[in-house]
C-alpha atoms as a PDB file:
ATOM      1  CA  MET A   1     -20.324  11.814  16.349  1.00  0.00           C
ATOM      2  CA  ASN A   2     -23.445  10.884  13.082  1.00  0.00           C
ATOM      3  CA  GLN A   3     -22.568   9.955  10.027  1.00  0.00           C
ATOM      4  CA  PHE A   4     -23.428  11.380   6.900  1.00  0.00           C
ATOM      5  CA  THR A   5     -25.114   8.976   3.556  1.00  0.00           C
ATOM      6  CA  ILE A   6     -24.756  10.734   0.268  1.00  0.00           C
ATOM      7  CA  GLU A   7     -28.596   9.816  -1.625  1.00  0.00           C
ATOM      8  CA  ASN A   8     -28.313   7.447  -4.721  1.00  0.00           C
ATOM      9  CA  THR A   9     -24.834   5.649  -3.650  1.00  0.00           C
ATOM     10  CA  GLU A  10     -23.785   2.123  -2.964  1.00  0.00           C
ATOM     11  CA  GLN A  11     -20.621   1.024  -1.681  1.00  0.00           C
ATOM     12  CA  PHE A  12     -18.868  -2.703  -1.891  1.00  0.00           C
ATOM     13  CA  GLU A  13     -15.421  -3.966  -1.452  1.00  0.00           C
ATOM     14  CA  ILE A  14     -13.203  -5.982  -3.954  1.00  0.00           C
ATOM     15  CA  PHE A  15     -10.276  -7.949  -3.698  1.00  0.00           C
ATOM     16  CA  SER A  16      -7.395  -8.136  -6.031  1.00  0.00           C
ATOM     17  CA  LYS A  17      -4.939 -11.228  -6.061  1.00  0.00           C
ATOM     18  CA  ASP A  18      -2.683 -10.243  -8.329  1.00  0.00           C
ATOM     19  CA  ILE A  19      -2.325  -6.599  -6.441  1.00  0.00           C
ATOM     20  CA  ASN A  20      -3.105  -8.486  -3.016  1.00  0.00           C
ATOM     21  CA  GLN A  21      -4.804  -5.367  -2.187  1.00  0.00           C
ATOM     22  CA  GLU A  22      -8.640  -5.180  -0.566  1.00  0.00           C
ATOM     23  CA  PHE A  23     -10.527  -1.705  -2.870  1.00  0.00           C
ATOM     24  CA  ILE A  24     -13.398  -0.305  -1.808  1.00  0.00           C
ATOM     25  CA  ILE A  25     -15.931   0.567  -4.505  1.00  0.00           C
ATOM     26  CA  ASN A  26     -18.293   3.336  -4.047  1.00  0.00           C
ATOM     27  CA  ILE A  27     -20.946   3.140  -6.488  1.00  0.00           C
ATOM     28  CA  GLY A  28     -22.433   6.258  -7.469  1.00  0.00           C
ATOM     29  CA  LEU A  29     -26.797   6.338  -9.146  1.00  0.00           C
ATOM     30  CA  PRO A  30     -28.365   8.981 -11.240  1.00  0.00           C
ATOM     31  CA  PRO A  31     -31.520  10.064 -10.156  1.00  0.00           C
ATOM     32  CA  ASN A  32     -34.192   8.080 -10.840  1.00  0.00           C
ATOM     33  CA  TYR A  33     -31.511   4.682 -11.779  1.00  0.00           C
ATOM     34  CA  SER A  34     -34.219   2.608 -13.923  1.00  0.00           C
ATOM     35  CA  LYS A  35     -34.062  -0.430 -15.895  1.00  0.00           C
ATOM     36  CA  ASP A  36     -37.537   1.111 -18.491  1.00  0.00           C
ATOM     37  CA  HIS A  37     -34.287   3.895 -19.139  1.00  0.00           C
ATOM     38  CA  ASP A  38     -31.432   3.085 -21.561  1.00  0.00           C
ATOM     39  CA  LYS A  39     -28.730   1.819 -20.831  1.00  0.00           C
ATOM     40  CA  TYR A  40     -26.469   3.948 -18.334  1.00  0.00           C
ATOM     41  CA  PRO A  41     -22.787   4.730 -19.507  1.00  0.00           C
ATOM     42  CA  VAL A  42     -20.469   4.643 -17.098  1.00  0.00           C
ATOM     43  CA  VAL A  43     -17.657   6.499 -15.680  1.00  0.00           C
ATOM     44  CA  TYR A  44     -14.611   4.977 -13.123  1.00  0.00           C
ATOM     45  CA  VAL A  45     -12.858   7.500 -11.060  1.00  0.00           C
ATOM     46  CA  THR A  46      -9.855   7.285  -9.296  1.00  0.00           C
ATOM     47  CA  ASP A  47      -8.662   8.661  -6.259  1.00  0.00           C
ATOM     48  CA  ALA A  48     -12.202   8.266  -5.392  1.00  0.00           C
ATOM     49  CA  GLY A  49     -12.030   9.119  -1.671  1.00  0.00           C
ATOM     50  CA  SER A  50     -12.102  12.691  -2.444  1.00  0.00           C
ATOM     51  CA  ASN A  51     -13.361  12.659  -6.444  1.00  0.00           C
ATOM     52  CA  PHE A  52     -16.067  10.461  -5.762  1.00  0.00           C
ATOM     53  CA  ILE A  53     -17.809  12.782  -3.051  1.00  0.00           C
ATOM     54  CA  GLY A  54     -17.116  16.160  -4.833  1.00  0.00           C
ATOM     55  CA  LEU A  55     -18.810  14.659  -8.342  1.00  0.00           C
ATOM     56  CA  MET A  56     -21.751  13.290  -6.413  1.00  0.00           C
ATOM     57  CA  GLY A  57     -22.501  16.733  -4.990  1.00  0.00           C
ATOM     58  CA  SER A  58     -22.272  18.017  -8.453  1.00  0.00           C
ATOM     59  CA  LEU A  59     -23.744  15.402 -10.757  1.00  0.00           C
ATOM     60  CA  PRO A  60     -27.415  15.378 -10.101  1.00  0.00           C
ATOM     61  CA  LEU A  61     -27.743  19.039 -10.866  1.00  0.00           C
ATOM     62  CA  MET A  62     -26.296  18.969 -13.332  1.00  0.00           C
ATOM     63  CA  GLN A  63     -27.652  15.848 -15.208  1.00  0.00           C
ATOM     64  CA  PHE A  64     -31.145  17.313 -14.057  1.00  0.00           C
ATOM     65  CA  VAL A  65     -30.501  20.394 -16.558  1.00  0.00           C
ATOM     66  CA  ASN A  66     -28.949  18.615 -18.772  1.00  0.00           C
ATOM     67  CA  ASP A  67     -25.498  19.823 -18.333  1.00  0.00           C
ATOM     68  CA  LEU A  68     -24.619  15.660 -18.443  1.00  0.00           C
ATOM     69  CA  PRO A  69     -26.229  12.712 -19.437  1.00  0.00           C
ATOM     70  CA  SER A  70     -27.462  10.003 -17.026  1.00  0.00           C
ATOM     71  CA  PHE A  71     -24.484   8.033 -16.126  1.00  0.00           C
ATOM     72  CA  VAL A  72     -23.236   4.989 -13.263  1.00  0.00           C
ATOM     73  CA  LEU A  73     -20.582   6.277 -11.258  1.00  0.00           C
ATOM     74  CA  VAL A  74     -17.643   3.987  -9.818  1.00  0.00           C
ATOM     75  CA  GLY A  75     -15.731   5.170  -7.582  1.00  0.00           C
ATOM     76  CA  ILE A  76     -12.279   3.380  -7.569  1.00  0.00           C
ATOM     77  CA  ASP A  77     -10.864   3.517  -3.107  1.00  0.00           C
ATOM     78  CA  TYR A  78      -8.614   2.098  -0.931  1.00  0.00           C
ATOM     79  CA  LYS A  79      -9.430   0.102   2.084  1.00  0.00           C
ATOM     80  CA  SER A  80      -6.749   1.233   4.526  1.00  0.00           C
ATOM     81  CA  PRO A  81      -6.754   2.535   8.313  1.00  0.00           C
ATOM     82  CA  ASN A  82      -5.639   5.953   7.184  1.00  0.00           C
ATOM     83  CA  SER A  83      -6.270   8.258   4.458  1.00  0.00           C
ATOM     84  CA  MET A  84      -1.859   8.976   4.519  1.00  0.00           C
ATOM     85  CA  ASP A  85      -1.699   5.212   3.265  1.00  0.00           C
ATOM     86  CA  SER A  86      -3.380   6.109   0.239  1.00  0.00           C
ATOM     87  CA  MET A  87      -1.184   8.420  -0.595  1.00  0.00           C
ATOM     88  CA  SER A  88       1.339   5.243  -1.228  1.00  0.00           C
ATOM     89  CA  LEU A  89      -0.254   2.724  -2.733  1.00  0.00           C
ATOM     90  CA  ARG A  90      -1.497   5.127  -5.636  1.00  0.00           C
ATOM     91  CA  ASN A  91       2.171   5.409  -6.092  1.00  0.00           C
ATOM     92  CA  ARG A  92       2.192   1.677  -6.731  1.00  0.00           C
ATOM     93  CA  ASP A  93      -1.121   1.663  -8.653  1.00  0.00           C
ATOM     94  CA  LEU A  94      -1.275   4.795 -10.396  1.00  0.00           C
ATOM     95  CA  THR A  95       2.472   4.349 -12.845  1.00  0.00           C
ATOM     96  CA  PRO A  96       4.165   2.898 -15.202  1.00  0.00           C
ATOM     97  CA  THR A  97       7.214   2.474 -13.850  1.00  0.00           C
ATOM     98  CA  ASN A  98       9.254   3.036 -10.602  1.00  0.00           C
ATOM     99  CA  ASP A  99      10.528   6.082 -10.246  1.00  0.00           C
ATOM    100  CA  LYS A 100      13.049   5.290  -7.933  1.00  0.00           C
ATOM    101  CA  ILE A 101      14.402   8.982  -6.984  1.00  0.00           C
ATOM    102  CA  TRP A 102      10.165  10.413  -6.314  1.00  0.00           C
ATOM    103  CA  MET A 103       9.549   7.045  -4.351  1.00  0.00           C
ATOM    104  CA  ALA A 104      13.071   7.895  -2.286  1.00  0.00           C
ATOM    105  CA  ALA A 105      11.786  11.753  -1.832  1.00  0.00           C
ATOM    106  CA  GLN A 106       8.126  10.398  -0.998  1.00  0.00           C
ATOM    107  CA  LYS A 107       9.620   8.396   1.900  1.00  0.00           C
ATOM    108  CA  ASP A 108      11.618  10.640   3.427  1.00  0.00           C
ATOM    109  CA  MET A 109       8.710  12.794   3.218  1.00  0.00           C
ATOM    110  CA  TYR A 110       6.431  10.448   5.194  1.00  0.00           C
ATOM    111  CA  LYS A 111       8.666  10.006   7.948  1.00  0.00           C
ATOM    112  CA  ILE A 112       8.056  13.644   8.150  1.00  0.00           C
ATOM    113  CA  PHE A 113       4.765  13.212   9.023  1.00  0.00           C
ATOM    114  CA  GLY A 114       5.904   9.965  11.454  1.00  0.00           C
ATOM    115  CA  GLU A 115       3.364   8.033   8.910  1.00  0.00           C
ATOM    116  CA  ASP A 116       3.816   4.482   9.069  1.00  0.00           C
ATOM    117  CA  LEU A 117       2.714   3.624   5.826  1.00  0.00           C
ATOM    118  CA  PRO A 118       3.103   0.830   3.010  1.00  0.00           C
ATOM    119  CA  GLN A 119       5.981   0.291   1.486  1.00  0.00           C
ATOM    120  CA  VAL A 120       5.174  -0.569  -1.911  1.00  0.00           C
ATOM    121  CA  GLU A 121       6.818   0.166  -5.370  1.00  0.00           C
ATOM    122  CA  ALA A 122       5.872   2.049  -8.128  1.00  0.00           C
ATOM    123  CA  GLY A 123       4.661   0.471 -11.768  1.00  0.00           C
ATOM    124  CA  GLY A 124       1.998  -0.992 -11.188  1.00  0.00           C
ATOM    125  CA  ALA A 125      -0.474   0.298 -13.500  1.00  0.00           C
ATOM    126  CA  LYS A 126      -0.581  -2.457 -15.865  1.00  0.00           C
ATOM    127  CA  TYR A 127      -2.392  -4.925 -13.065  1.00  0.00           C
ATOM    128  CA  PHE A 128      -4.610  -2.049 -11.803  1.00  0.00           C
ATOM    129  CA  LEU A 129      -6.060  -1.751 -15.054  1.00  0.00           C
ATOM    130  CA  ASP A 130      -6.031  -5.130 -15.243  1.00  0.00           C
ATOM    131  CA  PHE A 131      -8.050  -5.639 -11.718  1.00  0.00           C
ATOM    132  CA  ILE A 132     -10.593  -2.889 -13.659  1.00  0.00           C
ATOM    133  CA  ASN A 133     -10.117  -4.633 -16.937  1.00  0.00           C
ATOM    134  CA  ASP A 134     -10.801  -7.951 -14.979  1.00  0.00           C
ATOM    135  CA  ASP A 135     -12.846  -7.587 -12.014  1.00  0.00           C
ATOM    136  CA  ILE A 136     -14.121  -4.095 -11.758  1.00  0.00           C
ATOM    137  CA  LYS A 137     -16.107  -4.163 -14.895  1.00  0.00           C
ATOM    138  CA  PRO A 138     -16.953  -7.429 -15.043  1.00  0.00           C
ATOM    139  CA  PHE A 139     -18.793  -7.161 -11.167  1.00  0.00           C
ATOM    140  CA  ILE A 140     -20.457  -3.384 -12.885  1.00  0.00           C
ATOM    141  CA  ASN A 141     -21.766  -4.927 -15.992  1.00  0.00           C
ATOM    142  CA  ASN A 142     -23.320  -8.028 -14.327  1.00  0.00           C
ATOM    143  CA  LYS A 143     -25.221  -5.701 -11.329  1.00  0.00           C
ATOM    144  CA  TYR A 144     -26.900  -2.508 -13.061  1.00  0.00           C
ATOM    145  CA  TYR A 145     -28.006  -1.827 -16.027  1.00  0.00           C
ATOM    146  CA  VAL A 146     -24.689  -0.034 -18.159  1.00  0.00           C
ATOM    147  CA  ASP A 147     -24.140   0.092 -21.452  1.00  0.00           C
ATOM    148  CA  THR A 148     -20.927  -1.962 -21.807  1.00  0.00           C
ATOM    149  CA  THR A 149     -19.571  -0.971 -24.749  1.00  0.00           C
ATOM    150  CA  ASP A 150     -19.488   3.200 -23.352  1.00  0.00           C
ATOM    151  CA  GLN A 151     -16.809   3.280 -20.478  1.00  0.00           C
ATOM    152  CA  THR A 152     -15.166   6.645 -19.592  1.00  0.00           C
ATOM    153  CA  TYR A 153     -12.308   7.307 -17.719  1.00  0.00           C
ATOM    154  CA  CYS A 154     -11.560  10.527 -15.381  1.00  0.00           C
ATOM    155  CA  GLY A 155      -8.513  10.686 -13.262  1.00  0.00           C
ATOM    156  CA  PHE A 156      -6.205  13.749 -11.900  1.00  0.00           C
ATOM    157  CA  SER A 157      -2.513  14.033 -11.185  1.00  0.00           C
ATOM    158  CA  LEU A 158      -1.349  10.182 -10.927  1.00  0.00           C
ATOM    159  CA  GLY A 159      -4.453   9.292 -12.318  1.00  0.00           C
ATOM    160  CA  GLY A 160      -4.078  11.550 -15.159  1.00  0.00           C
ATOM    161  CA  LEU A 161      -0.439   9.989 -15.969  1.00  0.00           C
ATOM    162  CA  PHE A 162      -2.662   6.112 -15.871  1.00  0.00           C
ATOM    163  CA  GLY A 163      -5.277   7.561 -17.884  1.00  0.00           C
ATOM    164  CA  LEU A 164      -2.246   7.927 -20.472  1.00  0.00           C
ATOM    165  CA  TYR A 165      -1.218   4.654 -19.759  1.00  0.00           C
ATOM    166  CA  THR A 166      -4.029   3.297 -20.527  1.00  0.00           C
ATOM    167  CA  LEU A 167      -4.257   5.110 -23.448  1.00  0.00           C
ATOM    168  CA  PHE A 168      -1.920   4.297 -25.094  1.00  0.00           C
ATOM    169  CA  ASN A 169      -1.422   0.529 -24.053  1.00  0.00           C
ATOM    170  CA  SER A 170      -5.119  -0.740 -24.125  1.00  0.00           C
ATOM    171  CA  SER A 171      -7.253   2.675 -25.777  1.00  0.00           C
ATOM    172  CA  ASP A 172     -10.780   0.802 -26.757  1.00  0.00           C
ATOM    173  CA  SER A 173     -10.711   0.071 -22.463  1.00  0.00           C
ATOM    174  CA  PHE A 174     -12.712   3.232 -22.373  1.00  0.00           C
ATOM    175  CA  LYS A 175     -14.381   5.623 -25.135  1.00  0.00           C
ATOM    176  CA  ARG A 176     -13.784   8.542 -23.182  1.00  0.00           C
ATOM    177  CA  TYR A 177     -10.762   9.811 -21.066  1.00  0.00           C
ATOM    178  CA  VAL A 178     -10.765  12.649 -18.898  1.00  0.00           C
ATOM    179  CA  ILE A 179      -6.806  13.514 -17.697  1.00  0.00           C
ATOM    180  CA  GLY A 180      -6.491  16.063 -15.422  1.00  0.00           C
ATOM    181  CA  SER A 181      -2.802  17.750 -14.711  1.00  0.00           C
ATOM    182  CA  PRO A 182      -1.008  14.628 -15.770  1.00  0.00           C
ATOM    183  CA  SER A 183       2.254  14.234 -13.934  1.00  0.00           C
ATOM    184  CA  ILE A 184       3.722  13.482 -17.015  1.00  0.00           C
ATOM    185  CA  TRP A 185       6.987  14.399 -15.262  1.00  0.00           C
ATOM    186  CA  TRP A 186       7.126  10.897 -14.022  1.00  0.00           C
ATOM    187  CA  ASP A 187      10.559   8.852 -14.324  1.00  0.00           C
ATOM    188  CA  ASP A 188      12.120  11.403 -16.924  1.00  0.00           C
ATOM    189  CA  ARG A 189       8.847  11.411 -19.023  1.00  0.00           C
ATOM    190  CA  HIS A 190       9.125   7.716 -19.456  1.00  0.00           C
ATOM    191  CA  ILE A 191       4.863   7.884 -20.493  1.00  0.00           C
ATOM    192  CA  LEU A 192       6.222  10.189 -23.645  1.00  0.00           C
ATOM    193  CA  LYS A 193       8.797   7.275 -24.525  1.00  0.00           C
ATOM    194  CA  VAL A 194       5.381   5.235 -24.652  1.00  0.00           C
ATOM    195  CA  GLU A 195       3.546   7.132 -27.136  1.00  0.00           C
ATOM    196  CA  GLU A 196       6.531   7.179 -29.571  1.00  0.00           C
ATOM    197  CA  GLU A 197       6.501   3.370 -29.352  1.00  0.00           C
ATOM    198  CA  TYR A 198       2.666   3.736 -30.177  1.00  0.00           C
ATOM    199  CA  ALA A 199       2.519   5.805 -32.444  1.00  0.00           C
ATOM    200  CA  LYS A 200       5.419   4.015 -34.409  1.00  0.00           C
ATOM    201  CA  LYS A 201       3.227   0.801 -34.975  1.00  0.00           C
ATOM    202  CA  ASN A 202      -0.573   2.572 -34.942  1.00  0.00           C
ATOM    203  CA  LYS A 203      -2.303   5.068 -37.264  1.00  0.00           C
ATOM    204  CA  ASN A 204      -5.611   4.770 -35.137  1.00  0.00           C
ATOM    205  CA  LEU A 205      -6.503   6.049 -31.755  1.00  0.00           C
ATOM    206  CA  SER A 206     -10.321   6.226 -30.991  1.00  0.00           C
ATOM    207  CA  ALA A 207     -11.221   7.634 -28.150  1.00  0.00           C
ATOM    208  CA  LYS A 208     -12.577  11.213 -26.598  1.00  0.00           C
ATOM    209  CA  VAL A 209      -9.429  12.758 -24.693  1.00  0.00           C
ATOM    210  CA  PHE A 210     -10.346  16.024 -22.581  1.00  0.00           C
ATOM    211  CA  MET A 211      -6.535  17.116 -20.431  1.00  0.00           C
ATOM    212  CA  SER A 212      -6.143  20.024 -18.358  1.00  0.00           C
ATOM    213  CA  THR A 213      -4.227  21.553 -16.148  1.00  0.00           C
ATOM    214  CA  GLY A 214      -4.515  25.207 -13.549  1.00  0.00           C
ATOM    215  CA  ASP A 215      -2.668  28.044 -15.049  1.00  0.00           C
ATOM    216  CA  LEU A 216      -0.469  27.503 -11.626  1.00  0.00           C
ATOM    217  CA  GLU A 217       0.899  24.624 -12.443  1.00  0.00           C
ATOM    218  CA  GLU A 218       4.282  25.258 -14.149  1.00  0.00           C
ATOM    219  CA  GLU A 219       5.386  27.097 -10.549  1.00  0.00           C
ATOM    220  CA  GLY A 220       6.340  23.318  -9.110  1.00  0.00           C
ATOM    221  CA  GLY A 221      10.341  23.690 -10.463  1.00  0.00           C
ATOM    222  CA  ASP A 222      11.770  22.913 -12.960  1.00  0.00           C
ATOM    223  CA  ASN A 223      10.901  18.569 -12.086  1.00  0.00           C
ATOM    224  CA  PHE A 224       7.092  19.533 -13.162  1.00  0.00           C
ATOM    225  CA  LYS A 225       6.467  21.897 -15.604  1.00  0.00           C
ATOM    226  CA  MET A 226       2.776  20.734 -15.704  1.00  0.00           C
ATOM    227  CA  ILE A 227       1.858  22.578 -18.394  1.00  0.00           C
ATOM    228  CA  SER A 228       4.562  22.721 -20.555  1.00  0.00           C
ATOM    229  CA  ASN A 229       4.078  18.967 -20.494  1.00  0.00           C
ATOM    230  CA  MET A 230       0.785  18.654 -20.812  1.00  0.00           C
ATOM    231  CA  LYS A 231       1.349  21.459 -24.644  1.00  0.00           C
ATOM    232  CA  ALA A 232       3.617  19.009 -25.925  1.00  0.00           C
ATOM    233  CA  LEU A 233       1.633  16.096 -25.496  1.00  0.00           C
ATOM    234  CA  SER A 234      -1.156  17.852 -27.217  1.00  0.00           C
ATOM    235  CA  ASN A 235       1.231  18.991 -30.013  1.00  0.00           C
ATOM    236  CA  THR A 236       2.448  15.414 -30.704  1.00  0.00           C
ATOM    237  CA  LEU A 237      -0.735  14.219 -30.675  1.00  0.00           C
ATOM    238  CA  LEU A 238      -1.969  16.740 -32.920  1.00  0.00           C
ATOM    239  CA  SER A 239       0.562  15.922 -35.448  1.00  0.00           C
ATOM    240  CA  ARG A 240       0.436  12.224 -35.215  1.00  0.00           C
ATOM    241  CA  ASN A 241      -2.715  12.776 -36.809  1.00  0.00           C
ATOM    242  CA  TYR A 242      -4.525   9.703 -35.059  1.00  0.00           C
ATOM    243  CA  LYS A 243      -7.622   8.172 -36.667  1.00  0.00           C
ATOM    244  CA  GLY A 244     -10.044   8.592 -34.441  1.00  0.00           C
ATOM    245  CA  LEU A 245      -8.634  11.024 -31.762  1.00  0.00           C
ATOM    246  CA  ASP A 246     -10.929  13.434 -30.683  1.00  0.00           C
ATOM    247  CA  LEU A 247      -9.046  15.827 -28.279  1.00  0.00           C
ATOM    248  CA  GLU A 248      -9.455  18.954 -26.480  1.00  0.00           C
ATOM    249  CA  THR A 249      -7.145  20.421 -23.771  1.00  0.00           C
ATOM    250  CA  ALA A 250      -7.895  23.540 -21.383  1.00  0.00           C
ATOM    251  CA  ILE A 251      -5.661  25.155 -18.757  1.00  0.00           C
ATOM    252  CA  PHE A 252      -7.797  26.594 -16.430  1.00  0.00           C
ATOM    253  CA  GLU A 253      -7.210  30.547 -14.941  1.00  0.00           C
ATOM    254  CA  ASP A 254      -5.817  30.963 -11.665  1.00  0.00           C
ATOM    255  CA  GLU A 255      -6.236  27.141 -10.895  1.00  0.00           C
ATOM    256  CA  THR A 256      -3.592  25.134  -8.762  1.00  0.00           C
ATOM    257  CA  HIS A 257      -2.166  22.132  -8.860  1.00  0.00           C
ATOM    258  CA  CYS A 258      -5.396  20.663  -5.694  1.00  0.00           C
ATOM    259  CA  SER A 259      -7.924  23.142  -7.135  1.00  0.00           C
ATOM    260  CA  ALA A 260      -7.454  23.025 -10.473  1.00  0.00           C
ATOM    261  CA  VAL A 261      -9.390  18.910  -9.246  1.00  0.00           C
ATOM    262  CA  SER A 262     -13.009  19.754  -9.083  1.00  0.00           C
ATOM    263  CA  ALA A 263     -12.693  21.762 -12.138  1.00  0.00           C
ATOM    264  CA  THR A 264     -11.291  19.475 -14.362  1.00  0.00           C
ATOM    265  CA  LEU A 265     -13.576  16.725 -13.952  1.00  0.00           C
ATOM    266  CA  ASN A 266     -16.869  18.697 -13.895  1.00  0.00           C
ATOM    267  CA  ARG A 267     -15.538  20.383 -17.234  1.00  0.00           C
ATOM    268  CA  GLY A 268     -13.866  17.247 -18.312  1.00  0.00           C
ATOM    269  CA  LEU A 269     -16.948  15.740 -18.116  1.00  0.00           C
ATOM    270  CA  ARG A 270     -19.116  18.140 -19.656  1.00  0.00           C
ATOM    271  CA  ASN A 271     -16.640  17.944 -22.929  1.00  0.00           C
ATOM    272  CA  VAL A 272     -15.835  14.447 -23.199  1.00  0.00           C
ATOM    273  CA  PHE A 273     -20.048  14.075 -23.096  1.00  0.00           C
ATOM    274  CA  LYS A 274     -21.376  17.222 -24.742  1.00  0.00           C
ATOM    275  CA  SER A 275     -22.792  15.278 -27.624  1.00  0.00           C
ATOM    276  CA  ASP A 276     -24.685  13.322 -25.628  1.00  0.00           C
ATOM    277  CA  ALA A 277     -26.819  15.400 -23.161  1.00  0.00           C
END
């Protein structure tokens, strides 16, 4: 079977000792990448098996017509024998707590598919964030011609939850955040308690944030309430009057949780970079 490659991409493997996991790091370089250019911003995206490929299909043209500035795209993915492994491992890495009810339900669902998946506990967001900041970023900063002060995070669903976790625990990790359909429902909306604790100690939240959902995402039942949860969090953040916070939200018409991914990533990046394109 013939394999295809994506132009202007490179791939590396990095092992995290703390997580005990081999990760694949996909690099997407902008057209005409050159050290004669100003140093490039960096955009980090999780769930990179699909999100990275989708973005690399749209970015070159968007950058060519100045919808977006040139930047280096970094996709973080798992080195695993099958795609279902990633579904299990992302529960571990993108969540701030171990939601035992959800994890038990996931385990039962995987049995339906007959998959022998990694046995992991959720709640590893701290270690995953440390891996990004302490291992991946230094690798990228040393290998590529990038602006270390201009970094963006993109994540969807549990990746959106991880973005919120990072925003409220280490906001200066990134300058910009694209947070798609965040799983605010996780562990009885634990992330709202994290924000509340942050607000007690901080008046500043210096970040440019784009947060979105599809307008069909409220239909997942009372446990999820994707739109209601996003609106509630957005209203709370605006009511705090955080100094430095630039927040914009969007609800995409006729989009489901799955179909909203590409709309979120493309619109979100245009939004957080709109003054720089």
